[in-house]
């Protein structure tokens, strides 16, 4: 399945299975979500940026930044004043909902909200190998 087709799957569980099909630990899962955001988002698009519970400002999302940091996947955005910066993907909400971009960002926020996928190093790697 092409990564760009994943947002069209009917359930988040199915999307997560496709995104993390070859992941055996948290770093691999985060890297898989970085690829998902890079390839499935239809950029550029309008979004609102801000931490939950704060006022969100309008931005234009241009795509994934190169790599990710300790806090998660970063996306490149342009602010209303024209400045560009990298922001955490889980702090972005697509303006157009429903839609592919909203689904991709919602999937990533769900992944972050539960602290990533439940990996328990060797034990989970063995379970994934058996499947």
C-alpha atoms as a PDB file:
ATOM      1  CA  UNK A   1       0.000   0.000   0.000  1.00  0.00           C
ATOM      2  CA  UNK A   2       1.219   3.495  -0.839  1.00  0.00           C
ATOM      3  CA  UNK A   3       1.673   5.812   2.147  1.00  0.00           C
ATOM      4  CA  UNK A   4      -0.537   8.433   0.481  1.00  0.00           C
ATOM      5  CA  UNK A   5      -3.413   5.891   0.550  1.00  0.00           C
ATOM      6  CA  UNK A   6      -3.225   5.239   4.310  1.00  0.00           C
ATOM      7  CA  UNK A   7      -5.428   8.234   5.339  1.00  0.00           C
ATOM      8  CA  UNK A   8      -8.265   6.681   3.316  1.00  0.00           C
ATOM      9  CA  UNK A   9      -8.404   3.549   5.477  1.00  0.00           C
ATOM     10  CA  UNK A  10     -11.625   3.571   7.529  1.00  0.00           C
ATOM     11  CA  UNK A  11     -10.203   3.150  11.031  1.00  0.00           C
ATOM     12  CA  UNK A  12      -7.280   4.571  12.962  1.00  0.00           C
ATOM     13  CA  UNK A  13      -6.324   1.049  14.016  1.00  0.00           C
ATOM     14  CA  UNK A  14      -5.945   0.021  10.360  1.00  0.00           C
ATOM     15  CA  UNK A  15      -3.957   3.170   9.600  1.00  0.00           C
ATOM     16  CA  UNK A  16      -1.629   2.566  12.565  1.00  0.00           C
ATOM     17  CA  UNK A  17      -1.069  -1.036  11.445  1.00  0.00           C
ATOM     18  CA  UNK A  18      -0.049   0.155   7.971  1.00  0.00           C
ATOM     19  CA  UNK A  19       2.144   2.983   9.283  1.00  0.00           C
ATOM     20  CA  UNK A  20       4.048   0.778  11.729  1.00  0.00           C
ATOM     21  CA  UNK A  21       4.089  -2.498   9.774  1.00  0.00           C
ATOM     22  CA  UNK A  22       7.880  -2.910  10.061  1.00  0.00           C
ATOM     23  CA  UNK A  23       8.464  -1.169  13.403  1.00  0.00           C
ATOM     24  CA  UNK A  24      10.010  -2.972  16.343  1.00  0.00           C
ATOM     25  CA  UNK A  25      10.601  -0.132  18.808  1.00  0.00           C
ATOM     26  CA  UNK A  26       9.551   3.427  19.616  1.00  0.00           C
ATOM     27  CA  UNK A  27      12.252   5.078  17.486  1.00  0.00           C
ATOM     28  CA  UNK A  28      11.181   3.096  14.436  1.00  0.00           C
ATOM     29  CA  UNK A  29       7.529   3.982  15.071  1.00  0.00           C
ATOM     30  CA  UNK A  30       8.378   7.690  15.354  1.00  0.00           C
ATOM     31  CA  UNK A  31      10.389   7.457  12.152  1.00  0.00           C
ATOM     32  CA  UNK A  32       7.439   5.735  10.440  1.00  0.00           C
ATOM     33  CA  UNK A  33       5.143   8.572  11.507  1.00  0.00           C
ATOM     34  CA  UNK A  34       7.650  11.075  10.167  1.00  0.00           C
ATOM     35  CA  UNK A  35       7.434   9.331   6.792  1.00  0.00           C
ATOM     36  CA  UNK A  36       3.619   9.245   7.051  1.00  0.00           C
ATOM     37  CA  UNK A  37       3.508  12.995   7.692  1.00  0.00           C
ATOM     38  CA  UNK A  38       6.062  13.666   4.938  1.00  0.00           C
ATOM     39  CA  UNK A  39       4.308  11.649   2.271  1.00  0.00           C
ATOM     40  CA  UNK A  40       0.612  11.700   3.165  1.00  0.00           C
ATOM     41  CA  UNK A  41       0.104  15.397   3.950  1.00  0.00           C
ATOM     42  CA  UNK A  42      -1.123  17.363   0.950  1.00  0.00           C
ATOM     43  CA  UNK A  43       0.949  20.527   1.260  1.00  0.00           C
ATOM     44  CA  UNK A  44       0.716  23.437   1.344  1.00  0.00           C
ATOM     45  CA  UNK A  45      -2.384  23.753   3.495  1.00  0.00           C
ATOM     46  CA  UNK A  46      -3.897  26.106   6.039  1.00  0.00           C
ATOM     47  CA  UNK A  47      -3.702  25.123   9.679  1.00  0.00           C
ATOM     48  CA  UNK A  48      -3.888  26.531  13.171  1.00  0.00           C
ATOM     49  CA  UNK A  49      -0.881  26.223  15.458  1.00  0.00           C
ATOM     50  CA  UNK A  50      -0.768  26.215  19.233  1.00  0.00           C
ATOM     51  CA  UNK A  51      -0.492  23.997  22.256  1.00  0.00           C
ATOM     52  CA  UNK A  52      -3.752  22.498  23.519  1.00  0.00           C
ATOM     53  CA  UNK A  53      -5.650  24.989  25.641  1.00  0.00           C
ATOM     54  CA  UNK A  54      -4.003  28.029  24.044  1.00  0.00           C
ATOM     55  CA  UNK A  55      -5.143  30.362  21.314  1.00  0.00           C
ATOM     56  CA  UNK A  56      -4.104  28.927  17.968  1.00  0.00           C
ATOM     57  CA  UNK A  57      -2.639  31.149  15.279  1.00  0.00           C
ATOM     58  CA  UNK A  58      -3.104  30.656  11.532  1.00  0.00           C
ATOM     59  CA  UNK A  59      -0.185  29.159   9.586  1.00  0.00           C
ATOM     60  CA  UNK A  60       0.511  27.557   6.232  1.00  0.00           C
ATOM     61  CA  UNK A  61       2.101  24.097   6.457  1.00  0.00           C
ATOM     62  CA  UNK A  62       4.716  23.427   3.779  1.00  0.00           C
ATOM     63  CA  UNK A  63       5.856  19.939   4.786  1.00  0.00           C
ATOM     64  CA  UNK A  64       7.993  17.966   7.156  1.00  0.00           C
ATOM     65  CA  UNK A  65      11.226  19.387   8.503  1.00  0.00           C
ATOM     66  CA  UNK A  66      14.295  17.234   8.098  1.00  0.00           C
ATOM     67  CA  UNK A  67      14.150  14.693  10.883  1.00  0.00           C
ATOM     68  CA  UNK A  68      12.536  14.981  14.270  1.00  0.00           C
ATOM     69  CA  UNK A  69      13.636  16.020  17.717  1.00  0.00           C
ATOM     70  CA  UNK A  70      13.144  14.588  21.211  1.00  0.00           C
ATOM     71  CA  UNK A  71       9.653  16.092  21.337  1.00  0.00           C
ATOM     72  CA  UNK A  72       8.466  14.577  18.059  1.00  0.00           C
ATOM     73  CA  UNK A  73       8.037  15.227  14.356  1.00  0.00           C
ATOM     74  CA  UNK A  74       8.532  18.795  13.163  1.00  0.00           C
ATOM     75  CA  UNK A  75       6.711  20.458  10.264  1.00  0.00           C
ATOM     76  CA  UNK A  76       7.738  23.600   8.376  1.00  0.00           C
ATOM     77  CA  UNK A  77       5.206  26.427   8.576  1.00  0.00           C
ATOM     78  CA  UNK A  78       4.878  30.044   7.500  1.00  0.00           C
ATOM     79  CA  UNK A  79       3.386  32.415  10.069  1.00  0.00           C
ATOM     80  CA  UNK A  80       1.034  35.274   9.191  1.00  0.00           C
ATOM     81  CA  UNK A  81       3.969  37.741   9.322  1.00  0.00           C
ATOM     82  CA  UNK A  82       5.849  35.702   6.682  1.00  0.00           C
ATOM     83  CA  UNK A  83       8.383  34.167   9.055  1.00  0.00           C
ATOM     84  CA  UNK A  84       9.029  30.464   8.621  1.00  0.00           C
ATOM     85  CA  UNK A  85       9.819  28.034  11.387  1.00  0.00           C
ATOM     86  CA  UNK A  86       9.638  24.411  12.427  1.00  0.00           C
ATOM     87  CA  UNK A  87       6.872  23.437  14.848  1.00  0.00           C
ATOM     88  CA  UNK A  88       5.737  20.218  16.478  1.00  0.00           C
ATOM     89  CA  UNK A  89       3.229  18.357  14.305  1.00  0.00           C
ATOM     90  CA  UNK A  90       1.001  17.523  17.277  1.00  0.00           C
ATOM     91  CA  UNK A  91       0.404  21.271  17.784  1.00  0.00           C
ATOM     92  CA  UNK A  92      -1.143  21.704  14.314  1.00  0.00           C
ATOM     93  CA  UNK A  93      -4.793  21.379  13.333  1.00  0.00           C
ATOM     94  CA  UNK A  94      -5.833  21.429   9.660  1.00  0.00           C
ATOM     95  CA  UNK A  95      -8.397  24.136   8.899  1.00  0.00           C
ATOM     96  CA  UNK A  96     -10.207  21.997   6.341  1.00  0.00           C
ATOM     97  CA  UNK A  97     -12.010  19.180   8.126  1.00  0.00           C
ATOM     98  CA  UNK A  98     -12.722  16.476   7.376  1.00  0.00           C
ATOM     99  CA  UNK A  99      -9.905  15.844   4.952  1.00  0.00           C
ATOM    100  CA  UNK A 100      -6.661  13.986   4.404  1.00  0.00           C
ATOM    101  CA  UNK A 101      -4.536  16.559   6.243  1.00  0.00           C
ATOM    102  CA  UNK A 102      -6.885  16.568   9.240  1.00  0.00           C
ATOM    103  CA  UNK A 103      -6.806  12.762   9.366  1.00  0.00           C
ATOM    104  CA  UNK A 104      -3.002  12.586   9.172  1.00  0.00           C
ATOM    105  CA  UNK A 105      -2.541  15.216  11.895  1.00  0.00           C
ATOM    106  CA  UNK A 106      -5.229  13.587  14.079  1.00  0.00           C
ATOM    107  CA  UNK A 107      -3.489  10.213  13.701  1.00  0.00           C
ATOM    108  CA  UNK A 108      -0.185  11.714  14.778  1.00  0.00           C
ATOM    109  CA  UNK A 109      -1.764  13.481  17.780  1.00  0.00           C
ATOM    110  CA  UNK A 110      -3.365  10.170  18.832  1.00  0.00           C
ATOM    111  CA  UNK A 111       0.025   8.461  18.550  1.00  0.00           C
ATOM    112  CA  UNK A 112       1.646  11.158  20.713  1.00  0.00           C
ATOM    113  CA  UNK A 113      -1.247  11.270  23.222  1.00  0.00           C
ATOM    114  CA  UNK A 114      -0.739   7.643  24.207  1.00  0.00           C
ATOM    115  CA  UNK A 115       3.021   8.075  24.436  1.00  0.00           C
ATOM    116  CA  UNK A 116       3.689   6.267  21.178  1.00  0.00           C
ATOM    117  CA  UNK A 117       2.790   2.689  20.484  1.00  0.00           C
ATOM    118  CA  UNK A 118       3.107   0.237  23.374  1.00  0.00           C
ATOM    119  CA  UNK A 119       6.586  -1.222  22.859  1.00  0.00           C
ATOM    120  CA  UNK A 120       8.225  -3.224  25.602  1.00  0.00           C
ATOM    121  CA  UNK A 121      11.595  -3.725  23.905  1.00  0.00           C
ATOM    122  CA  UNK A 122      12.345  -7.470  23.574  1.00  0.00           C
ATOM    123  CA  UNK A 123       8.879  -8.725  24.516  1.00  0.00           C
ATOM    124  CA  UNK A 124       7.052  -6.662  21.888  1.00  0.00           C
ATOM    125  CA  UNK A 125       9.708  -7.354  19.254  1.00  0.00           C
ATOM    126  CA  UNK A 126       9.084 -11.083  19.753  1.00  0.00           C
ATOM    127  CA  UNK A 127       5.297 -10.576  19.447  1.00  0.00           C
ATOM    128  CA  UNK A 128       5.744  -8.583  16.233  1.00  0.00           C
ATOM    129  CA  UNK A 129       8.106 -11.264  14.850  1.00  0.00           C
ATOM    130  CA  UNK A 130       5.458 -13.946  15.450  1.00  0.00           C
ATOM    131  CA  UNK A 131       2.803 -12.100  13.437  1.00  0.00           C
END
